[in-house]
Amino acid sequence: MKPLVSVILPNYNELENLKRGVLVSLSHYFAKQSYPWEVIISDDGSSDRSIAYLEQFIAHNKGFTLLKNPHAGKPFALRSAVMTAQGKYVLFTDMDQSTPIDQLDKLLPYTKDGFRIVIGSRGIRRRDSSLIRQLASVIFLLARKLFLLRDIKDTQCGFKLLETNLAKNIFARMRLFGRTQHSTGWKVTAYDVEMLFLAEKLGEEIQEVRVVWKDEDTSSGKKRNFLKESIEMFTEILRVRVNDILGKYD
């Protein structure tokens, strides 16, 4: 029987988060579900010991698989997993589980109402974020709404559910993958924005659902500069808008 949900977890040097037991939490959650499922861990050329940890975990836990990809950035790791997913739906979620897996219970019911894409939202104010991160998020939100996706509050929450066929169609159309095949570090891009924009262009109604979120990332290998990232993502938004004006998504 094919899975109902294929959970996609991107991995890049996530050993510290893995040691917190995030995969055990996923395993316990799905053990209680009545539907078939799979968890695809898509590695982005990790250089720490996370691969060894994952291989040992998968050897003792059914339903979990590991994809090993060359280092090219998070969007590429996601696309690799999407193209191999067997479930009716794919759920994008982050390894740090800042949005816990049980929030899937809030998203799945909307698929029965005909929604093919349901996204988690952290809201505008995020009490567990630093002041700098909140400021960068607000700046990004206001700038993004000037150009794209005016009705969506939070495009960047990593917790998103899509019908698999729709996800495959969107990832095949994304121009992000036509520009580069390599990146340095865990590159932050506005791939979420391009993905959601393409969903709208394909005539899909996007349902946004408030989910629990608390910054749980314990990985010390990812140095973050949220103001710089917001500027980089704004550049990506402009690129998406220009691509649309030039008809590259038609």
C-alpha atoms as a PDB file:
ATOM      1  CA  MET A   1       0.000   0.000   0.000  1.00  0.00           C
ATOM      2  CA  LYS A   2       1.356   3.406  -0.980  1.00  0.00           C
ATOM      3  CA  PRO A   3       1.940   5.918   1.809  1.00  0.00           C
ATOM      4  CA  LEU A   4      -0.572   8.657   2.438  1.00  0.00           C
ATOM      5  CA  VAL A   5       2.217  11.008   3.487  1.00  0.00           C
ATOM      6  CA  SER A   6       5.879  11.177   2.511  1.00  0.00           C
ATOM      7  CA  VAL A   7       7.692  13.272   5.108  1.00  0.00           C
ATOM      8  CA  ILE A   8      10.732  15.044   3.660  1.00  0.00           C
ATOM      9  CA  LEU A   9      13.509  16.014   6.052  1.00  0.00           C
ATOM     10  CA  PRO A  10      16.484  17.898   4.560  1.00  0.00           C
ATOM     11  CA  ASN A  11      19.768  17.223   6.342  1.00  0.00           C
ATOM     12  CA  TYR A  12      22.974  19.204   6.326  1.00  0.00           C
ATOM     13  CA  ASN A  13      25.303  18.720   9.306  1.00  0.00           C
ATOM     14  CA  GLU A  14      22.373  18.159  11.658  1.00  0.00           C
ATOM     15  CA  LEU A  15      24.118  15.821  14.112  1.00  0.00           C
ATOM     16  CA  GLU A  16      23.364  18.002  17.130  1.00  0.00           C
ATOM     17  CA  ASN A  17      19.660  18.106  16.310  1.00  0.00           C
ATOM     18  CA  LEU A  18      19.630  14.380  15.581  1.00  0.00           C
ATOM     19  CA  LYS A  19      21.126  13.603  18.972  1.00  0.00           C
ATOM     20  CA  ARG A  20      18.163  15.354  20.608  1.00  0.00           C
ATOM     21  CA  GLY A  21      16.007  12.476  19.405  1.00  0.00           C
ATOM     22  CA  VAL A  22      13.994  14.226  16.691  1.00  0.00           C
ATOM     23  CA  LEU A  23      13.726  11.047  14.609  1.00  0.00           C
ATOM     24  CA  VAL A  24      12.517   9.078  17.619  1.00  0.00           C
ATOM     25  CA  SER A  25       9.749  11.653  18.046  1.00  0.00           C
ATOM     26  CA  LEU A  26       8.722  11.172  14.420  1.00  0.00           C
ATOM     27  CA  SER A  27       8.771   7.399  14.782  1.00  0.00           C
ATOM     28  CA  HIS A  28       6.572   7.525  17.901  1.00  0.00           C
ATOM     29  CA  TYR A  29       4.113   9.882  16.233  1.00  0.00           C
ATOM     30  CA  PHE A  30       3.647   7.777  13.097  1.00  0.00           C
ATOM     31  CA  ALA A  31       3.419   4.549  15.078  1.00  0.00           C
ATOM     32  CA  LYS A  32       0.098   5.906  16.378  1.00  0.00           C
ATOM     33  CA  GLN A  33      -1.317   6.730  12.943  1.00  0.00           C
ATOM     34  CA  SER A  34      -3.678   4.461  11.027  1.00  0.00           C
ATOM     35  CA  TYR A  35      -2.393   5.431   7.576  1.00  0.00           C
ATOM     36  CA  PRO A  36       0.781   4.265   5.781  1.00  0.00           C
ATOM     37  CA  TRP A  37       3.689   6.706   5.718  1.00  0.00           C
ATOM     38  CA  GLU A  38       7.351   7.125   4.845  1.00  0.00           C
ATOM     39  CA  VAL A  39      10.099   9.473   6.010  1.00  0.00           C
ATOM     40  CA  ILE A  40      12.690  10.507   3.432  1.00  0.00           C
ATOM     41  CA  ILE A  41      15.832  12.091   4.852  1.00  0.00           C
ATOM     42  CA  SER A  42      17.517  13.961   2.017  1.00  0.00           C
ATOM     43  CA  ASP A  43      21.142  14.731   2.807  1.00  0.00           C
ATOM     44  CA  ASP A  44      22.917  17.677   1.204  1.00  0.00           C
ATOM     45  CA  GLY A  45      26.475  16.401   1.300  1.00  0.00           C
ATOM     46  CA  SER A  46      26.937  16.621   5.075  1.00  0.00           C
ATOM     47  CA  SER A  47      30.495  16.803   6.371  1.00  0.00           C
ATOM     48  CA  ASP A  48      29.794  15.919  10.010  1.00  0.00           C
ATOM     49  CA  ARG A  49      28.915  12.480  11.427  1.00  0.00           C
ATOM     50  CA  SER A  50      25.210  12.791  10.756  1.00  0.00           C
ATOM     51  CA  ILE A  51      25.328  10.248   7.906  1.00  0.00           C
ATOM     52  CA  ALA A  52      26.696   7.538  10.218  1.00  0.00           C
ATOM     53  CA  TYR A  53      24.045   8.413  12.808  1.00  0.00           C
ATOM     54  CA  LEU A  54      21.274   8.258  10.197  1.00  0.00           C
ATOM     55  CA  GLU A  55      22.431   4.958   8.748  1.00  0.00           C
ATOM     56  CA  GLN A  56      22.411   3.368  12.185  1.00  0.00           C
ATOM     57  CA  PHE A  57      18.957   4.749  12.984  1.00  0.00           C
ATOM     58  CA  ILE A  58      17.463   3.644   9.665  1.00  0.00           C
ATOM     59  CA  ALA A  59      18.870   0.139  10.093  1.00  0.00           C
ATOM     60  CA  HIS A  60      16.671  -0.282  13.172  1.00  0.00           C
ATOM     61  CA  ASN A  61      13.592   1.725  12.161  1.00  0.00           C
ATOM     62  CA  LYS A  62      11.239   0.825   9.325  1.00  0.00           C
ATOM     63  CA  GLY A  63       9.731   3.538   7.175  1.00  0.00           C
ATOM     64  CA  PHE A  64      12.851   5.749   7.154  1.00  0.00           C
ATOM     65  CA  THR A  65      15.104   6.085   4.102  1.00  0.00           C
ATOM     66  CA  LEU A  66      18.191   8.165   3.352  1.00  0.00           C
ATOM     67  CA  LEU A  67      19.013   9.943   0.104  1.00  0.00           C
ATOM     68  CA  LYS A  68      22.641  10.988  -0.323  1.00  0.00           C
ATOM     69  CA  ASN A  69      23.047  14.020  -2.559  1.00  0.00           C
ATOM     70  CA  PRO A  70      26.081  16.109  -3.519  1.00  0.00           C
ATOM     71  CA  HIS A  71      26.202  19.437  -1.700  1.00  0.00           C
ATOM     72  CA  ALA A  72      24.035  21.913  -3.622  1.00  0.00           C
ATOM     73  CA  GLY A  73      21.750  23.589  -1.066  1.00  0.00           C
ATOM     74  CA  LYS A  74      18.453  22.912   0.672  1.00  0.00           C
ATOM     75  CA  PRO A  75      16.117  23.361  -2.343  1.00  0.00           C
ATOM     76  CA  PHE A  76      18.071  20.752  -4.296  1.00  0.00           C
ATOM     77  CA  ALA A  77      17.827  18.295  -1.405  1.00  0.00           C
ATOM     78  CA  LEU A  78      14.073  18.859  -1.276  1.00  0.00           C
ATOM     79  CA  ARG A  79      13.656  18.360  -5.010  1.00  0.00           C
ATOM     80  CA  SER A  80      15.610  15.107  -4.890  1.00  0.00           C
ATOM     81  CA  ALA A  81      13.250  13.773  -2.235  1.00  0.00           C
ATOM     82  CA  VAL A  82      10.104  15.029  -3.967  1.00  0.00           C
ATOM     83  CA  MET A  83      11.015  13.148  -7.121  1.00  0.00           C
ATOM     84  CA  THR A  84      11.323   9.860  -5.213  1.00  0.00           C
ATOM     85  CA  ALA A  85       8.335  10.318  -2.876  1.00  0.00           C
ATOM     86  CA  GLN A  86       5.682   7.608  -3.091  1.00  0.00           C
ATOM     87  CA  GLY A  87       3.014   9.183  -0.889  1.00  0.00           C
ATOM     88  CA  LYS A  88      -0.143  10.958  -2.026  1.00  0.00           C
ATOM     89  CA  TYR A  89       1.123  14.005  -0.147  1.00  0.00           C
ATOM     90  CA  VAL A  90       4.571  15.306   0.743  1.00  0.00           C
ATOM     91  CA  LEU A  91       5.212  17.128   3.995  1.00  0.00           C
ATOM     92  CA  PHE A  92       8.215  19.437   4.156  1.00  0.00           C
ATOM     93  CA  THR A  93       9.497  19.798   7.705  1.00  0.00           C
ATOM     94  CA  ASP A  94      12.827  20.799   9.221  1.00  0.00           C
ATOM     95  CA  MET A  95      15.182  18.528  11.121  1.00  0.00           C
ATOM     96  CA  ASP A  96      15.195  20.793  14.166  1.00  0.00           C
ATOM     97  CA  GLN A  97      11.433  20.213  14.513  1.00  0.00           C
ATOM     98  CA  SER A  98      10.777  23.778  15.583  1.00  0.00           C
ATOM     99  CA  THR A  99       7.304  22.967  14.322  1.00  0.00           C
ATOM    100  CA  PRO A 100       6.661  19.526  15.875  1.00  0.00           C
ATOM    101  CA  ILE A 101       5.407  16.707  13.699  1.00  0.00           C
ATOM    102  CA  ASP A 102       2.069  16.476  15.529  1.00  0.00           C
ATOM    103  CA  GLN A 103       1.089  19.751  13.822  1.00  0.00           C
ATOM    104  CA  LEU A 104       0.426  17.598  10.750  1.00  0.00           C
ATOM    105  CA  ASP A 105      -2.899  16.846  12.455  1.00  0.00           C
ATOM    106  CA  LYS A 106      -3.884  20.463  11.735  1.00  0.00           C
ATOM    107  CA  LEU A 107      -2.975  20.333   8.044  1.00  0.00           C
ATOM    108  CA  LEU A 108      -4.328  16.987   6.851  1.00  0.00           C
ATOM    109  CA  PRO A 109      -8.052  17.736   7.421  1.00  0.00           C
ATOM    110  CA  TYR A 110      -7.922  20.508   4.822  1.00  0.00           C
ATOM    111  CA  THR A 111      -7.036  17.989   2.113  1.00  0.00           C
ATOM    112  CA  LYS A 112     -10.536  16.543   2.566  1.00  0.00           C
ATOM    113  CA  ASP A 113     -11.881  19.983   1.633  1.00  0.00           C
ATOM    114  CA  GLY A 114     -10.044  19.814  -1.680  1.00  0.00           C
ATOM    115  CA  PHE A 115      -6.913  21.806  -0.856  1.00  0.00           C
ATOM    116  CA  ARG A 116      -3.829  20.454  -2.632  1.00  0.00           C
ATOM    117  CA  ILE A 117      -1.459  22.730  -0.729  1.00  0.00           C
ATOM    118  CA  VAL A 118      -1.692  23.539   2.978  1.00  0.00           C
ATOM    119  CA  ILE A 119       1.057  25.511   4.689  1.00  0.00           C
ATOM    120  CA  GLY A 120       1.963  26.111   8.312  1.00  0.00           C
ATOM    121  CA  SER A 121       2.145  29.684   9.563  1.00  0.00           C
ATOM    122  CA  ARG A 122       4.040  31.021  12.550  1.00  0.00           C
ATOM    123  CA  GLY A 123       2.116  34.283  12.462  1.00  0.00           C
ATOM    124  CA  ILE A 124       3.702  37.707  12.276  1.00  0.00           C
ATOM    125  CA  ARG A 125       4.873  37.887  15.903  1.00  0.00           C
ATOM    126  CA  ARG A 126       7.135  35.047  17.034  1.00  0.00           C
ATOM    127  CA  ARG A 127       7.730  35.273  20.739  1.00  0.00           C
ATOM    128  CA  ASP A 128      10.550  32.731  20.739  1.00  0.00           C
ATOM    129  CA  SER A 129      12.572  34.674  18.166  1.00  0.00           C
ATOM    130  CA  SER A 130      15.247  37.247  18.901  1.00  0.00           C
ATOM    131  CA  LEU A 131      14.408  40.907  18.316  1.00  0.00           C
ATOM    132  CA  ILE A 132      16.753  41.000  15.317  1.00  0.00           C
ATOM    133  CA  ARG A 133      15.116  37.944  13.781  1.00  0.00           C
ATOM    134  CA  GLN A 134      11.637  39.381  14.327  1.00  0.00           C
ATOM    135  CA  LEU A 135      12.702  42.671  12.726  1.00  0.00           C
ATOM    136  CA  ALA A 136      14.207  40.894   9.730  1.00  0.00           C
ATOM    137  CA  SER A 137      11.024  38.815   9.354  1.00  0.00           C
ATOM    138  CA  VAL A 138       8.780  41.887   9.377  1.00  0.00           C
ATOM    139  CA  ILE A 139      10.968  43.675   6.810  1.00  0.00           C
ATOM    140  CA  PHE A 140      10.910  40.597   4.578  1.00  0.00           C
ATOM    141  CA  LEU A 141       7.123  40.241   4.939  1.00  0.00           C
ATOM    142  CA  LEU A 142       6.417  43.854   3.992  1.00  0.00           C
ATOM    143  CA  ALA A 143       8.836  43.790   1.057  1.00  0.00           C
ATOM    144  CA  ARG A 144       7.526  40.483  -0.236  1.00  0.00           C
ATOM    145  CA  LYS A 145       3.877  41.583  -0.086  1.00  0.00           C
ATOM    146  CA  LEU A 146       4.690  44.517  -2.347  1.00  0.00           C
ATOM    147  CA  PHE A 147       5.420  42.090  -5.178  1.00  0.00           C
ATOM    148  CA  LEU A 148       4.068  38.582  -4.512  1.00  0.00           C
ATOM    149  CA  LEU A 149       1.636  36.470  -2.485  1.00  0.00           C
ATOM    150  CA  ARG A 150      -0.170  39.355  -0.824  1.00  0.00           C
ATOM    151  CA  ASP A 151      -2.693  37.121   0.956  1.00  0.00           C
ATOM    152  CA  ILE A 152      -0.112  34.910   2.713  1.00  0.00           C
ATOM    153  CA  LYS A 153       1.344  35.972   6.056  1.00  0.00           C
ATOM    154  CA  ASP A 154       4.208  33.471   6.383  1.00  0.00           C
ATOM    155  CA  THR A 155       5.873  31.981   3.328  1.00  0.00           C
ATOM    156  CA  GLN A 156       9.007  30.873   5.169  1.00  0.00           C
ATOM    157  CA  CYS A 157       7.673  28.405   7.727  1.00  0.00           C
ATOM    158  CA  GLY A 158       9.305  25.072   6.859  1.00  0.00           C
ATOM    159  CA  PHE A 159       6.131  23.068   7.528  1.00  0.00           C
ATOM    160  CA  LYS A 160       4.233  22.603   4.253  1.00  0.00           C
ATOM    161  CA  LEU A 161       1.939  19.882   2.883  1.00  0.00           C
ATOM    162  CA  LEU A 162       1.482  19.446  -0.865  1.00  0.00           C
ATOM    163  CA  GLU A 163      -0.156  16.850  -3.038  1.00  0.00           C
ATOM    164  CA  THR A 164       2.832  14.975  -4.444  1.00  0.00           C
ATOM    165  CA  ASN A 165       1.903  15.324  -8.118  1.00  0.00           C
ATOM    166  CA  LEU A 166       1.512  19.065  -7.610  1.00  0.00           C
ATOM    167  CA  ALA A 167       4.876  19.272  -5.837  1.00  0.00           C
ATOM    168  CA  LYS A 168       6.606  17.429  -8.674  1.00  0.00           C
ATOM    169  CA  ASN A 169       5.015  19.738 -11.237  1.00  0.00           C
ATOM    170  CA  ILE A 170       6.066  22.853  -9.311  1.00  0.00           C
ATOM    171  CA  PHE A 171       9.648  21.747  -8.672  1.00  0.00           C
ATOM    172  CA  ALA A 172      10.028  20.926 -12.377  1.00  0.00           C
ATOM    173  CA  ARG A 173       9.020  24.515 -13.221  1.00  0.00           C
ATOM    174  CA  MET A 174      11.105  26.402 -10.640  1.00  0.00           C
ATOM    175  CA  ARG A 175      13.694  28.674 -12.233  1.00  0.00           C
ATOM    176  CA  LEU A 176      15.903  28.490  -9.147  1.00  0.00           C
ATOM    177  CA  PHE A 177      17.274  25.201 -10.442  1.00  0.00           C
ATOM    178  CA  GLY A 178      18.178  26.672 -13.796  1.00  0.00           C
ATOM    179  CA  ARG A 179      20.629  29.198 -12.357  1.00  0.00           C
ATOM    180  CA  THR A 180      23.095  27.114 -10.395  1.00  0.00           C
ATOM    181  CA  GLN A 181      23.838  23.565  -9.405  1.00  0.00           C
ATOM    182  CA  HIS A 182      26.033  24.411  -6.454  1.00  0.00           C
ATOM    183  CA  SER A 183      25.968  26.535  -3.312  1.00  0.00           C
ATOM    184  CA  THR A 184      28.166  27.212  -0.331  1.00  0.00           C
ATOM    185  CA  GLY A 185      26.910  26.169   3.094  1.00  0.00           C
ATOM    186  CA  TRP A 186      23.257  25.710   3.952  1.00  0.00           C
ATOM    187  CA  LYS A 187      22.257  28.409   1.479  1.00  0.00           C
ATOM    188  CA  VAL A 188      19.090  30.291   2.354  1.00  0.00           C
ATOM    189  CA  THR A 189      16.898  31.153  -0.617  1.00  0.00           C
ATOM    190  CA  ALA A 190      13.319  32.230  -1.130  1.00  0.00           C
ATOM    191  CA  TYR A 191      12.519  28.941  -2.849  1.00  0.00           C
ATOM    192  CA  ASP A 192       9.368  28.851  -0.703  1.00  0.00           C
ATOM    193  CA  VAL A 193       8.185  32.048  -2.370  1.00  0.00           C
ATOM    194  CA  GLU A 194       8.795  30.729  -5.863  1.00  0.00           C
ATOM    195  CA  MET A 195       7.100  27.440  -4.985  1.00  0.00           C
ATOM    196  CA  LEU A 196       3.996  29.143  -3.570  1.00  0.00           C
ATOM    197  CA  PHE A 197       3.901  31.674  -6.410  1.00  0.00           C
ATOM    198  CA  LEU A 198       3.897  28.852  -8.950  1.00  0.00           C
ATOM    199  CA  ALA A 199       1.123  27.094  -7.040  1.00  0.00           C
ATOM    200  CA  GLU A 200      -0.987  30.240  -7.374  1.00  0.00           C
ATOM    201  CA  LYS A 201      -0.157  30.528 -11.087  1.00  0.00           C
ATOM    202  CA  LEU A 202      -1.354  26.951 -11.529  1.00  0.00           C
ATOM    203  CA  GLY A 203      -4.685  27.993 -10.035  1.00  0.00           C
ATOM    204  CA  GLU A 204      -4.240  26.376  -6.631  1.00  0.00           C
ATOM    205  CA  GLU A 205      -5.843  27.890  -3.539  1.00  0.00           C
ATOM    206  CA  ILE A 206      -3.333  27.900  -0.696  1.00  0.00           C
ATOM    207  CA  GLN A 207      -4.646  27.241   2.799  1.00  0.00           C
ATOM    208  CA  GLU A 208      -2.555  28.802   5.572  1.00  0.00           C
ATOM    209  CA  VAL A 209      -2.883  27.248   9.033  1.00  0.00           C
ATOM    210  CA  ARG A 210      -1.434  28.543  12.304  1.00  0.00           C
ATOM    211  CA  VAL A 211       0.981  26.011  13.799  1.00  0.00           C
ATOM    212  CA  VAL A 212       3.076  25.778  16.932  1.00  0.00           C
ATOM    213  CA  TRP A 213       6.598  27.085  16.444  1.00  0.00           C
ATOM    214  CA  LYS A 214       9.527  27.434  18.827  1.00  0.00           C
ATOM    215  CA  ASP A 215      13.148  27.754  17.744  1.00  0.00           C
ATOM    216  CA  GLU A 216      14.642  24.360  18.614  1.00  0.00           C
ATOM    217  CA  ASP A 217      17.696  24.434  16.357  1.00  0.00           C
ATOM    218  CA  THR A 218      20.768  23.369  18.343  1.00  0.00           C
ATOM    219  CA  SER A 219      23.051  23.055  15.341  1.00  0.00           C
ATOM    220  CA  SER A 220      26.189  25.134  15.815  1.00  0.00           C
ATOM    221  CA  GLY A 221      27.355  24.619  12.236  1.00  0.00           C
ATOM    222  CA  LYS A 222      24.918  27.068  10.685  1.00  0.00           C
ATOM    223  CA  LYS A 223      25.867  30.647  11.353  1.00  0.00           C
ATOM    224  CA  ARG A 224      22.882  32.895  10.717  1.00  0.00           C
ATOM    225  CA  ASN A 225      22.712  36.543   9.776  1.00  0.00           C
ATOM    226  CA  PHE A 226      19.000  37.163   9.536  1.00  0.00           C
ATOM    227  CA  LEU A 227      19.258  40.698   8.183  1.00  0.00           C
ATOM    228  CA  LYS A 228      21.632  39.543   5.445  1.00  0.00           C
ATOM    229  CA  GLU A 229      19.395  36.556   4.688  1.00  0.00           C
ATOM    230  CA  SER A 230      16.358  38.833   4.395  1.00  0.00           C
ATOM    231  CA  ILE A 231      18.187  41.000   1.869  1.00  0.00           C
ATOM    232  CA  GLU A 232      19.247  37.919  -0.111  1.00  0.00           C
ATOM    233  CA  MET A 233      15.696  36.577  -0.072  1.00  0.00           C
ATOM    234  CA  PHE A 234      14.328  39.932  -1.204  1.00  0.00           C
ATOM    235  CA  THR A 235      16.676  39.700  -4.191  1.00  0.00           C
ATOM    236  CA  GLU A 236      15.191  36.274  -4.915  1.00  0.00           C
ATOM    237  CA  ILE A 237      11.675  37.735  -4.745  1.00  0.00           C
ATOM    238  CA  LEU A 238      12.597  40.359  -7.338  1.00  0.00           C
ATOM    239  CA  ARG A 239      14.009  37.581  -9.503  1.00  0.00           C
ATOM    240  CA  VAL A 240      10.725  35.650  -9.312  1.00  0.00           C
ATOM    241  CA  ARG A 241       8.778  38.790 -10.238  1.00  0.00           C
ATOM    242  CA  VAL A 242      11.075  39.498 -13.189  1.00  0.00           C
ATOM    243  CA  ASN A 243      10.817  35.873 -14.355  1.00  0.00           C
ATOM    244  CA  ASP A 244       7.046  36.184 -14.320  1.00  0.00           C
ATOM    245  CA  ILE A 245       7.082  39.462 -16.271  1.00  0.00           C
ATOM    246  CA  LEU A 246       9.372  37.853 -18.865  1.00  0.00           C
ATOM    247  CA  GLY A 247       6.981  34.914 -19.195  1.00  0.00           C
ATOM    248  CA  LYS A 248       9.445  32.317 -18.007  1.00  0.00           C
ATOM    249  CA  TYR A 249       6.754  30.532 -15.985  1.00  0.00           C
ATOM    250  CA  ASP A 250       4.291  30.265 -18.892  1.00  0.00           C
END
